[in-house]
Amino acid sequence: MTLHGTATGPLGVPWQRLLFGGVYGTVLASSLASALDSDSGEPNAGYDALWILVAALAAAAAHGYAHAISHWTADGKKATAESVRAVLAEWPLVASALPTVAALAGAAAGWWGEQSAVDVILTVNTVTLFGWGLLAARAAGQGWAASCRVGAVDVLLGLFIVSANALTH
């Protein structure tokens, strides 16, 4: 499927916002998950999953609202409906954090340990970042080789988080 020239993606969200939300949400969830095992308290994967979801929702709301107010008219007219739509259009940021939340929910259910969940999260999210980069480049009309290079650069974000995680333990 060629994305070049398509103005909007799923649910009418512009591709630019979809890709931004995907990368931002994935990096946010990875960073938060990576920080989980640095405390000295008893692991609580359910609590951690809840706070990653809350952080993703807060980041999405803040970004959507900031985007909306940046487009308010100079004459002071406030676009309330537009503000709500801008916040709701940030769903890709929240959706991209859901695999992290799901892995931690599995740990809370006792299916695996929290550290195992974090290891899987960092691996899956790093691979996901490659996909976001590939999709963004393809949406911009780039060829496969250039798109893979963009994906590889996005992987560096994930590897940075993995490296920081390793260095802090």
Protein backbone atom coordinates (compact mmCIF):
# COMPACT_ATOMS: atom_id res chain seq x y z
CA MET A 1 0.00 0.00 0.00
CA THR A 2 1.48 3.32 -1.03
CA LEU A 3 0.93 6.13 1.45
CA HIS A 4 2.48 8.89 -0.62
CA GLY A 5 -0.07 11.57 -1.43
CA THR A 6 -2.57 10.35 1.17
CA ALA A 7 -3.50 13.25 3.43
CA THR A 8 -4.97 11.22 6.29
CA GLY A 9 -4.51 7.86 7.90
CA PRO A 10 -6.85 5.82 10.11
CA LEU A 11 -9.84 7.67 11.59
CA GLY A 12 -9.03 10.75 9.51
CA VAL A 13 -5.87 11.58 11.47
CA PRO A 14 -3.23 13.25 9.28
CA TRP A 15 -0.27 10.94 8.62
CA GLN A 16 2.11 13.48 10.15
CA ARG A 17 0.25 13.41 13.47
CA LEU A 18 -0.16 9.62 13.35
CA LEU A 19 3.57 9.11 12.85
CA PHE A 20 4.50 11.71 15.46
CA GLY A 21 2.19 10.11 17.99
CA GLY A 22 3.50 6.64 17.24
CA VAL A 23 7.14 7.53 17.68
CA TYR A 24 6.56 9.82 20.66
CA GLY A 25 4.29 7.35 22.46
CA THR A 26 6.66 4.45 21.84
CA VAL A 27 9.67 6.38 23.14
CA LEU A 28 7.69 7.67 26.13
CA ALA A 29 6.44 4.20 27.09
CA SER A 30 9.91 2.67 26.61
CA SER A 31 11.54 5.34 28.76
CA LEU A 32 9.01 4.95 31.53
CA ALA A 33 9.20 1.15 31.44
CA SER A 34 12.98 1.33 31.54
CA ALA A 35 12.82 3.44 34.70
CA LEU A 36 10.57 0.95 36.48
CA ASP A 37 13.18 -1.44 37.72
CA SER A 38 15.50 1.22 39.11
CA ASP A 39 13.60 1.73 42.35
CA SER A 40 14.31 -0.30 45.46
CA GLY A 41 10.68 -0.96 46.32
CA GLU A 42 8.61 -4.03 45.72
CA PRO A 43 7.64 -4.41 42.02
CA ASN A 44 4.02 -3.58 41.27
CA ALA A 45 3.43 -4.10 37.56
CA GLY A 46 -0.26 -3.17 37.71
CA TYR A 47 0.52 0.17 39.31
CA ASP A 48 3.31 0.74 36.80
CA ALA A 49 1.04 -0.10 33.86
CA LEU A 50 -1.57 2.34 35.15
CA TRP A 51 0.99 5.14 35.46
CA ILE A 52 2.37 4.55 31.96
CA LEU A 53 -1.19 4.79 30.63
CA VAL A 54 -1.83 7.96 32.67
CA ALA A 55 1.43 9.48 31.40
CA ALA A 56 0.51 8.67 27.78
CA LEU A 57 -2.96 10.16 28.23
CA ALA A 58 -1.53 13.28 29.87
CA ALA A 59 1.10 13.70 27.14
CA ALA A 60 -1.54 13.26 24.43
CA ALA A 61 -3.87 15.77 26.07
CA ALA A 62 -1.06 18.27 26.59
CA HIS A 63 0.18 17.95 23.02
CA GLY A 64 -3.30 18.16 21.51
CA TYR A 65 -4.24 21.15 23.63
CA ALA A 66 -0.97 22.93 22.88
CA HIS A 67 -1.52 22.26 19.19
CA ALA A 68 -5.05 23.67 19.42
CA ILE A 69 -4.15 26.85 21.30
CA SER A 70 -1.30 27.52 18.91
CA HIS A 71 -3.93 27.86 16.20
CA TRP A 72 -6.30 30.16 18.06
CA THR A 73 -7.03 33.23 16.03
CA ALA A 74 -5.32 36.54 16.68
CA ASP A 75 -8.66 38.23 17.35
CA GLY A 76 -9.12 36.10 20.46
CA LYS A 77 -11.66 33.65 19.06
CA LYS A 78 -11.23 30.37 20.93
CA ALA A 79 -12.11 27.24 19.00
CA THR A 80 -13.42 24.99 21.78
CA ALA A 81 -14.68 22.24 19.47
CA GLU A 82 -11.39 22.41 17.57
CA SER A 83 -9.49 22.07 20.85
CA VAL A 84 -11.42 18.94 21.76
CA ARG A 85 -10.85 17.49 18.27
CA ALA A 86 -7.12 18.27 18.52
CA VAL A 87 -6.86 16.44 21.85
CA LEU A 88 -8.82 13.44 20.54
CA ALA A 89 -6.62 13.34 17.42
CA GLU A 90 -3.69 12.44 19.67
CA TRP A 91 -4.99 8.87 20.02
CA PRO A 92 -1.93 7.44 18.19
CA LEU A 93 0.30 8.54 21.09
CA VAL A 94 -1.86 6.64 23.57
CA ALA A 95 -2.32 3.64 21.26
CA SER A 96 1.43 3.26 20.81
CA ALA A 97 1.85 2.98 24.59
CA LEU A 98 -0.75 0.19 24.90
CA PRO A 99 1.62 -2.72 24.11
CA THR A 100 3.78 -1.57 27.03
CA VAL A 101 0.73 -1.34 29.27
CA ALA A 102 -0.40 -4.81 28.12
CA ALA A 103 2.99 -6.40 28.87
CA LEU A 104 2.97 -4.89 32.37
CA ALA A 105 -0.65 -5.97 32.88
CA GLY A 106 0.49 -9.51 32.03
CA ALA A 107 3.17 -9.21 34.68
CA ALA A 108 0.56 -7.95 37.16
CA ALA A 109 -1.56 -11.02 36.34
CA GLY A 110 1.42 -13.21 37.19
CA TRP A 111 2.04 -14.45 33.64
CA TRP A 112 5.70 -13.34 33.82
CA GLY A 113 7.92 -11.15 35.98
CA GLU A 114 8.08 -7.40 35.69
CA GLN A 115 11.74 -7.47 34.63
CA SER A 116 10.90 -9.94 31.85
CA ALA A 117 8.08 -7.66 30.75
CA VAL A 118 10.44 -4.67 30.65
CA ASP A 119 12.97 -6.64 28.59
CA VAL A 120 10.26 -7.64 26.09
CA ILE A 121 8.88 -4.09 26.04
CA LEU A 122 12.25 -2.58 25.17
CA THR A 123 12.83 -5.14 22.42
CA VAL A 124 9.35 -4.86 20.89
CA ASN A 125 9.32 -1.06 21.11
CA THR A 126 12.74 -0.81 19.46
CA VAL A 127 11.49 -2.94 16.56
CA THR A 128 8.31 -0.84 16.49
CA LEU A 129 10.41 2.32 16.13
CA PHE A 130 11.94 0.81 12.98
CA GLY A 131 8.40 0.32 11.67
CA TRP A 132 7.41 3.91 12.45
CA GLY A 133 10.49 5.21 10.62
CA LEU A 134 9.86 2.94 7.64
CA LEU A 135 6.21 4.00 7.48
CA ALA A 136 7.07 7.70 7.76
CA ALA A 137 9.58 7.51 4.93
CA ARG A 138 7.24 5.50 2.71
CA ALA A 139 4.45 8.02 3.43
CA ALA A 140 6.83 10.74 2.27
CA GLY A 141 7.39 8.88 -1.00
CA GLN A 142 10.85 7.50 -0.25
CA GLY A 143 12.07 4.24 -1.77
CA TRP A 144 12.61 1.10 0.25
CA ALA A 145 16.35 1.62 0.79
CA ALA A 146 15.91 5.18 2.06
CA SER A 147 12.94 4.09 4.19
CA CYS A 148 15.01 1.35 5.81
CA ARG A 149 17.71 3.92 6.62
CA VAL A 150 15.12 6.15 8.29
CA GLY A 151 13.84 3.13 10.23
CA ALA A 152 17.40 2.36 11.32
CA VAL A 153 17.82 5.91 12.63
CA ASP A 154 14.58 5.51 14.62
CA VAL A 155 15.97 2.27 16.05
CA LEU A 156 18.78 4.38 17.50
CA LEU A 157 16.20 6.01 19.79
CA GLY A 158 15.26 2.60 21.11
CA LEU A 159 18.87 1.53 21.46
CA PHE A 160 19.60 4.73 23.39
CA ILE A 161 16.91 3.78 25.91
CA VAL A 162 18.14 0.17 26.08
CA SER A 163 21.72 1.41 26.62
CA ALA A 164 20.65 3.86 29.31
CA ASN A 165 18.74 1.05 31.01
CA ALA A 166 21.79 -1.21 30.94
CA LEU A 167 24.12 1.53 32.21
CA THR A 168 21.88 2.36 35.17
CA HIS A 169 21.84 -1.20 36.51
